[in-house]
Amino acid sequence: MATEPEPAAVLEVQVIPRAARDRVSRSPDGAVRVHVTRPPADGEANRAVARLLAGFLDLPPSALELVGGARSRHKRFRARGLDAAALRGRIARLEEG
């Protein structure tokens, strides 16, 4: 008997490196923004974004995988363990800012 595949949803984010503080917010148009204090050098910002998103989504850091935009401010992360509905519910907690 085949086992069910683990749910996974993809989250698109806009990264703001060298921010005053680490936080996750929403833009007025509804996009998810991740502000990190780390610079976009040697993957520092990408690692900081993954850690921050994992905490926000209540997932272990190993459940997040960068699947697009490694060198861009627009990134795509696969969140293993969350389906699309659960991901939307967690994003709904975000405030604009």
Protein backbone atom coordinates (compact mmCIF):
# COMPACT_ATOMS: atom_id res chain seq x y z
CA MET A 1 0.00 0.00 0.00
CA ALA A 2 1.43 3.39 -0.99
CA THR A 3 1.95 6.02 1.66
CA GLU A 4 0.62 9.54 1.32
CA PRO A 5 3.26 12.07 0.29
CA GLU A 6 4.16 14.66 2.89
CA PRO A 7 2.30 17.91 2.23
CA ALA A 8 4.37 20.81 0.95
CA ALA A 9 3.41 24.33 -0.07
CA VAL A 10 5.46 26.98 -1.84
CA LEU A 11 5.72 30.44 -0.36
CA GLU A 12 6.90 33.44 -2.36
CA VAL A 13 8.54 36.22 -0.36
CA GLN A 14 10.17 39.56 -0.94
CA VAL A 15 13.40 39.93 1.05
CA ILE A 16 14.57 43.21 2.56
CA PRO A 17 18.25 42.72 3.54
CA ARG A 18 20.11 45.04 5.93
CA ALA A 19 16.85 45.94 7.70
CA ALA A 20 16.79 47.58 11.12
CA ARG A 21 15.40 44.38 12.67
CA ASP A 22 14.36 40.87 11.71
CA ARG A 23 10.62 40.51 11.08
CA VAL A 24 7.98 39.12 8.73
CA SER A 25 5.26 41.46 7.41
CA ARG A 26 2.86 42.01 4.52
CA SER A 27 3.03 44.74 1.93
CA PRO A 28 -0.09 46.77 1.11
CA ASP A 29 -0.60 44.55 -1.96
CA GLY A 30 -0.55 41.40 0.22
CA ALA A 31 2.96 40.15 -0.57
CA VAL A 32 4.92 38.51 2.25
CA ARG A 33 8.02 40.52 3.15
CA VAL A 34 10.91 39.17 5.18
CA HIS A 35 13.14 41.84 6.72
CA VAL A 36 16.56 40.59 7.87
CA THR A 37 19.50 42.47 9.34
CA ARG A 38 22.03 40.30 7.47
CA PRO A 39 23.62 41.53 4.21
CA PRO A 40 22.99 39.71 0.91
CA ALA A 41 26.52 38.30 0.78
CA ASP A 42 27.72 34.69 0.89
CA GLY A 43 24.17 33.44 1.45
CA GLU A 44 23.87 35.16 4.84
CA ALA A 45 20.54 36.78 4.06
CA ASN A 46 19.13 33.54 2.61
CA ARG A 47 20.00 31.61 5.77
CA ALA A 48 18.55 34.36 7.95
CA VAL A 49 15.34 34.40 5.90
CA ALA A 50 14.96 30.62 6.18
CA ARG A 51 15.45 30.70 9.98
CA LEU A 52 13.01 33.58 10.42
CA LEU A 53 10.37 31.98 8.18
CA ALA A 54 10.73 28.64 9.95
CA GLY A 55 10.06 30.31 13.29
CA PHE A 56 7.11 32.28 11.93
CA LEU A 57 5.57 29.18 10.32
CA ASP A 58 6.20 26.99 13.40
CA LEU A 59 8.37 24.61 11.39
CA PRO A 60 11.87 23.28 11.96
CA PRO A 61 14.44 25.05 9.76
CA SER A 62 15.07 21.78 7.93
CA ALA A 63 11.45 21.86 6.64
CA LEU A 64 12.16 24.94 4.49
CA GLU A 65 13.94 24.65 1.18
CA LEU A 66 14.90 27.56 -1.06
CA VAL A 67 13.61 26.54 -4.50
CA GLY A 68 13.97 29.80 -6.43
CA GLY A 69 15.57 33.21 -6.31
CA ALA A 70 18.80 32.45 -4.46
CA ARG A 71 20.37 35.64 -5.83
CA SER A 72 17.19 37.71 -6.02
CA ARG A 73 15.09 39.67 -3.52
CA HIS A 74 12.10 37.62 -4.70
CA LYS A 75 12.46 34.09 -3.36
CA ARG A 76 10.43 30.90 -3.31
CA PHE A 77 10.57 28.49 -0.37
CA ARG A 78 9.02 25.03 -0.17
CA ALA A 79 7.56 24.42 3.27
CA ARG A 80 7.41 20.67 3.92
CA GLY A 81 4.75 19.65 6.41
CA LEU A 82 2.25 22.38 5.43
CA ASP A 83 -0.40 22.19 2.76
CA ALA A 84 -1.54 25.32 0.92
CA ALA A 85 -4.53 25.92 3.24
CA ALA A 86 -2.39 25.71 6.39
CA LEU A 87 0.18 28.04 4.84
CA ARG A 88 -2.51 30.60 3.96
CA GLY A 89 -3.81 30.42 7.54
CA ARG A 90 -0.41 31.18 9.01
CA ILE A 91 0.19 34.02 6.57
CA ALA A 92 -3.20 35.51 7.49
CA ARG A 93 -1.69 36.34 10.92
CA LEU A 94 0.60 38.92 9.35
CA GLU A 95 0.06 42.63 9.73
CA GLU A 96 0.86 45.21 7.11
CA GLY A 97 4.11 47.03 7.58
